[in-house]
Amino acid sequence: MARKTPQQKKRESYAKDRRNTYGESGARSRFAIARARRVRASRARAAARQAAEAALRDPELAERLEGRAVVKFGGRWQKVADDPLGEVVEWKLTRRGRAGSVPDEVVHERVRRIRHLTKR
């Protein structure tokens, strides 16, 4: 296996490394994932309990609900992947250019270089 040049390392870093752009820290993300799973399970249990209570009050409803899956409340939650480092750096550069803290020529050159490295 041949050694990688610094340019190859940079290219792979921009493509493979990820950054959290959702707006919460990594530690909070771990807790949020667990909380979302708890909430989803709790809602499923509540829906099942409500269906069972309704079936006790109305035997005819129990026959209709028999064999059906319990409907869950709310939408489906799933994890979202973080953004590639190249996109995050490009976004930050353009934001700094719009704010006036970095000259436009520098922004365009750096964005061009990032896009060249990531082949976009």
C-alpha atoms as a PDB file:
ATOM      1  CA  MET A   1       0.000   0.000   0.000  1.00  0.00           C
ATOM      2  CA  ALA A   2       1.503   3.308  -1.102  1.00  0.00           C
ATOM      3  CA  ARG A   3       1.819   6.273   1.205  1.00  0.00           C
ATOM      4  CA  LYS A   4      -0.757   8.998   0.879  1.00  0.00           C
ATOM      5  CA  THR A   5       0.295  12.482  -0.044  1.00  0.00           C
ATOM      6  CA  PRO A   6      -0.913  15.427   2.056  1.00  0.00           C
ATOM      7  CA  GLN A   7      -3.228  16.398  -0.818  1.00  0.00           C
ATOM      8  CA  GLN A   8      -4.819  12.938  -0.818  1.00  0.00           C
ATOM      9  CA  LYS A   9      -5.262  13.094   2.945  1.00  0.00           C
ATOM     10  CA  LYS A  10      -6.916  16.511   2.679  1.00  0.00           C
ATOM     11  CA  ARG A  11      -9.228  15.310  -0.111  1.00  0.00           C
ATOM     12  CA  GLU A  12     -10.307  12.250   1.896  1.00  0.00           C
ATOM     13  CA  SER A  13     -10.750  14.352   5.021  1.00  0.00           C
ATOM     14  CA  TYR A  14     -13.113  16.772   3.242  1.00  0.00           C
ATOM     15  CA  ALA A  15     -15.134  13.847   1.872  1.00  0.00           C
ATOM     16  CA  LYS A  16     -15.205  11.420   4.808  1.00  0.00           C
ATOM     17  CA  ASP A  17     -14.995  13.537   7.982  1.00  0.00           C
ATOM     18  CA  ARG A  18     -18.355  14.684   9.305  1.00  0.00           C
ATOM     19  CA  ARG A  19     -19.559  17.633  11.362  1.00  0.00           C
ATOM     20  CA  ASN A  20     -22.733  17.994  13.395  1.00  0.00           C
ATOM     21  CA  THR A  21     -24.721  20.896  11.914  1.00  0.00           C
ATOM     22  CA  TYR A  22     -27.976  20.129  13.673  1.00  0.00           C
ATOM     23  CA  GLY A  23     -27.220  22.603  16.422  1.00  0.00           C
ATOM     24  CA  GLU A  24     -26.604  20.474  19.479  1.00  0.00           C
ATOM     25  CA  SER A  25     -23.427  19.060  20.945  1.00  0.00           C
ATOM     26  CA  GLY A  26     -22.424  15.421  20.510  1.00  0.00           C
ATOM     27  CA  ALA A  27     -23.215  14.563  24.108  1.00  0.00           C
ATOM     28  CA  ARG A  28     -26.694  16.079  23.857  1.00  0.00           C
ATOM     29  CA  SER A  29     -27.258  14.138  20.635  1.00  0.00           C
ATOM     30  CA  ARG A  30     -26.660  10.864  22.457  1.00  0.00           C
ATOM     31  CA  PHE A  31     -29.183  11.796  25.136  1.00  0.00           C
ATOM     32  CA  ALA A  32     -31.681  13.054  22.533  1.00  0.00           C
ATOM     33  CA  ILE A  33     -31.545   9.728  20.678  1.00  0.00           C
ATOM     34  CA  ALA A  34     -32.365   7.817  23.858  1.00  0.00           C
ATOM     35  CA  ARG A  35     -35.129  10.271  24.734  1.00  0.00           C
ATOM     36  CA  ALA A  36     -36.711   9.989  21.279  1.00  0.00           C
ATOM     37  CA  ARG A  37     -36.742   6.197  21.548  1.00  0.00           C
ATOM     38  CA  ARG A  38     -38.330   6.396  25.010  1.00  0.00           C
ATOM     39  CA  VAL A  39     -41.009   8.815  23.807  1.00  0.00           C
ATOM     40  CA  ARG A  40     -41.830   6.635  20.801  1.00  0.00           C
ATOM     41  CA  ALA A  41     -42.209   3.533  22.987  1.00  0.00           C
ATOM     42  CA  SER A  42     -44.283   5.468  25.516  1.00  0.00           C
ATOM     43  CA  ARG A  43     -46.658   6.660  22.803  1.00  0.00           C
ATOM     44  CA  ALA A  44     -47.038   3.125  21.489  1.00  0.00           C
ATOM     45  CA  ARG A  45     -47.883   1.854  24.984  1.00  0.00           C
ATOM     46  CA  ALA A  46     -50.383   4.672  25.482  1.00  0.00           C
ATOM     47  CA  ALA A  47     -52.088   3.869  22.171  1.00  0.00           C
ATOM     48  CA  ALA A  48     -52.290   0.178  23.089  1.00  0.00           C
ATOM     49  CA  ARG A  49     -53.706   1.029  26.520  1.00  0.00           C
ATOM     50  CA  GLN A  50     -56.334   3.328  25.014  1.00  0.00           C
ATOM     51  CA  ALA A  51     -57.368   0.662  22.501  1.00  0.00           C
ATOM     52  CA  ALA A  52     -57.678  -1.911  25.295  1.00  0.00           C
ATOM     53  CA  GLU A  53     -59.778   0.441  27.433  1.00  0.00           C
ATOM     54  CA  ALA A  54     -62.032   1.247  24.487  1.00  0.00           C
ATOM     55  CA  ALA A  55     -62.427  -2.460  23.776  1.00  0.00           C
ATOM     56  CA  LEU A  56     -63.513  -3.079  27.378  1.00  0.00           C
ATOM     57  CA  ARG A  57     -66.225  -0.426  27.081  1.00  0.00           C
ATOM     58  CA  ASP A  58     -67.453  -1.524  23.636  1.00  0.00           C
ATOM     59  CA  PRO A  59     -67.256  -5.275  22.783  1.00  0.00           C
ATOM     60  CA  GLU A  60     -68.197  -4.566  19.155  1.00  0.00           C
ATOM     61  CA  LEU A  61     -65.188  -2.278  18.827  1.00  0.00           C
ATOM     62  CA  ALA A  62     -63.022  -5.051  20.296  1.00  0.00           C
ATOM     63  CA  GLU A  63     -64.036  -7.377  17.445  1.00  0.00           C
ATOM     64  CA  ARG A  64     -63.161  -4.722  14.842  1.00  0.00           C
ATOM     65  CA  LEU A  65     -59.782  -3.964  16.477  1.00  0.00           C
ATOM     66  CA  GLU A  66     -58.857  -7.626  16.819  1.00  0.00           C
ATOM     67  CA  GLY A  67     -55.913  -8.533  14.628  1.00  0.00           C
ATOM     68  CA  ARG A  68     -55.064  -4.915  13.812  1.00  0.00           C
ATOM     69  CA  ALA A  69     -51.842  -3.183  14.679  1.00  0.00           C
ATOM     70  CA  VAL A  70     -52.148  -0.356  17.164  1.00  0.00           C
ATOM     71  CA  VAL A  71     -51.818   3.046  15.524  1.00  0.00           C
ATOM     72  CA  LYS A  72     -48.961   5.085  16.968  1.00  0.00           C
ATOM     73  CA  PHE A  73     -49.280   8.775  17.617  1.00  0.00           C
ATOM     74  CA  GLY A  74     -46.940  11.247  15.967  1.00  0.00           C
ATOM     75  CA  GLY A  75     -44.467  10.848  13.146  1.00  0.00           C
ATOM     76  CA  ARG A  76     -41.618   8.451  12.709  1.00  0.00           C
ATOM     77  CA  TRP A  77     -38.307   9.523  14.221  1.00  0.00           C
ATOM     78  CA  GLN A  78     -34.956   8.517  12.783  1.00  0.00           C
ATOM     79  CA  LYS A  79     -31.350   9.576  13.051  1.00  0.00           C
ATOM     80  CA  VAL A  80     -29.879  11.948  10.456  1.00  0.00           C
ATOM     81  CA  ALA A  81     -26.289  11.727   9.278  1.00  0.00           C
ATOM     82  CA  ASP A  82     -23.897  14.613   9.891  1.00  0.00           C
ATOM     83  CA  ASP A  83     -22.680  16.770   6.980  1.00  0.00           C
ATOM     84  CA  PRO A  84     -19.336  16.233   5.189  1.00  0.00           C
ATOM     85  CA  LEU A  85     -16.516  18.508   6.342  1.00  0.00           C
ATOM     86  CA  GLY A  86     -16.054  19.983   2.845  1.00  0.00           C
ATOM     87  CA  GLU A  87     -19.638  21.243   2.726  1.00  0.00           C
ATOM     88  CA  VAL A  88     -19.427  22.671   6.250  1.00  0.00           C
ATOM     89  CA  VAL A  89     -16.193  24.568   5.536  1.00  0.00           C
ATOM     90  CA  GLU A  90     -17.602  25.902   2.254  1.00  0.00           C
ATOM     91  CA  TRP A  91     -20.788  27.064   4.001  1.00  0.00           C
ATOM     92  CA  LYS A  92     -18.797  28.812   6.741  1.00  0.00           C
ATOM     93  CA  LEU A  93     -16.588  30.576   4.196  1.00  0.00           C
ATOM     94  CA  THR A  94     -19.535  31.897   2.201  1.00  0.00           C
ATOM     95  CA  ARG A  95     -21.230  33.059   5.413  1.00  0.00           C
ATOM     96  CA  ARG A  96     -18.080  34.924   6.464  1.00  0.00           C
ATOM     97  CA  GLY A  97     -17.874  36.463   2.991  1.00  0.00           C
ATOM     98  CA  ARG A  98     -21.456  37.724   3.205  1.00  0.00           C
ATOM     99  CA  ALA A  99     -20.746  39.154   6.662  1.00  0.00           C
ATOM    100  CA  GLY A 100     -17.754  41.038   5.288  1.00  0.00           C
ATOM    101  CA  SER A 101     -15.148  39.514   7.593  1.00  0.00           C
ATOM    102  CA  VAL A 102     -13.340  37.780   4.690  1.00  0.00           C
ATOM    103  CA  PRO A 103     -12.730  39.450   1.287  1.00  0.00           C
ATOM    104  CA  ASP A 104     -14.758  38.052  -1.632  1.00  0.00           C
ATOM    105  CA  GLU A 105     -11.633  37.117  -3.630  1.00  0.00           C
ATOM    106  CA  VAL A 106     -10.359  34.972  -0.767  1.00  0.00           C
ATOM    107  CA  VAL A 107     -13.748  33.313  -0.333  1.00  0.00           C
ATOM    108  CA  HIS A 108     -14.063  32.486  -4.051  1.00  0.00           C
ATOM    109  CA  GLU A 109     -10.537  31.076  -4.212  1.00  0.00           C
ATOM    110  CA  ARG A 110     -10.954  28.899  -1.132  1.00  0.00           C
ATOM    111  CA  VAL A 111     -14.389  27.646  -2.197  1.00  0.00           C
ATOM    112  CA  ARG A 112     -12.982  26.858  -5.645  1.00  0.00           C
ATOM    113  CA  ARG A 113     -10.154  24.899  -4.028  1.00  0.00           C
ATOM    114  CA  ILE A 114     -12.551  22.946  -1.772  1.00  0.00           C
ATOM    115  CA  ARG A 115     -14.819  22.095  -4.704  1.00  0.00           C
ATOM    116  CA  HIS A 116     -11.795  20.988  -6.728  1.00  0.00           C
ATOM    117  CA  LEU A 117     -10.654  18.717  -3.910  1.00  0.00           C
ATOM    118  CA  THR A 118     -14.110  17.231  -3.393  1.00  0.00           C
ATOM    119  CA  LYS A 119     -14.841  17.063  -7.154  1.00  0.00           C
ATOM    120  CA  ARG A 120     -18.065  19.081  -6.959  1.00  0.00           C
END
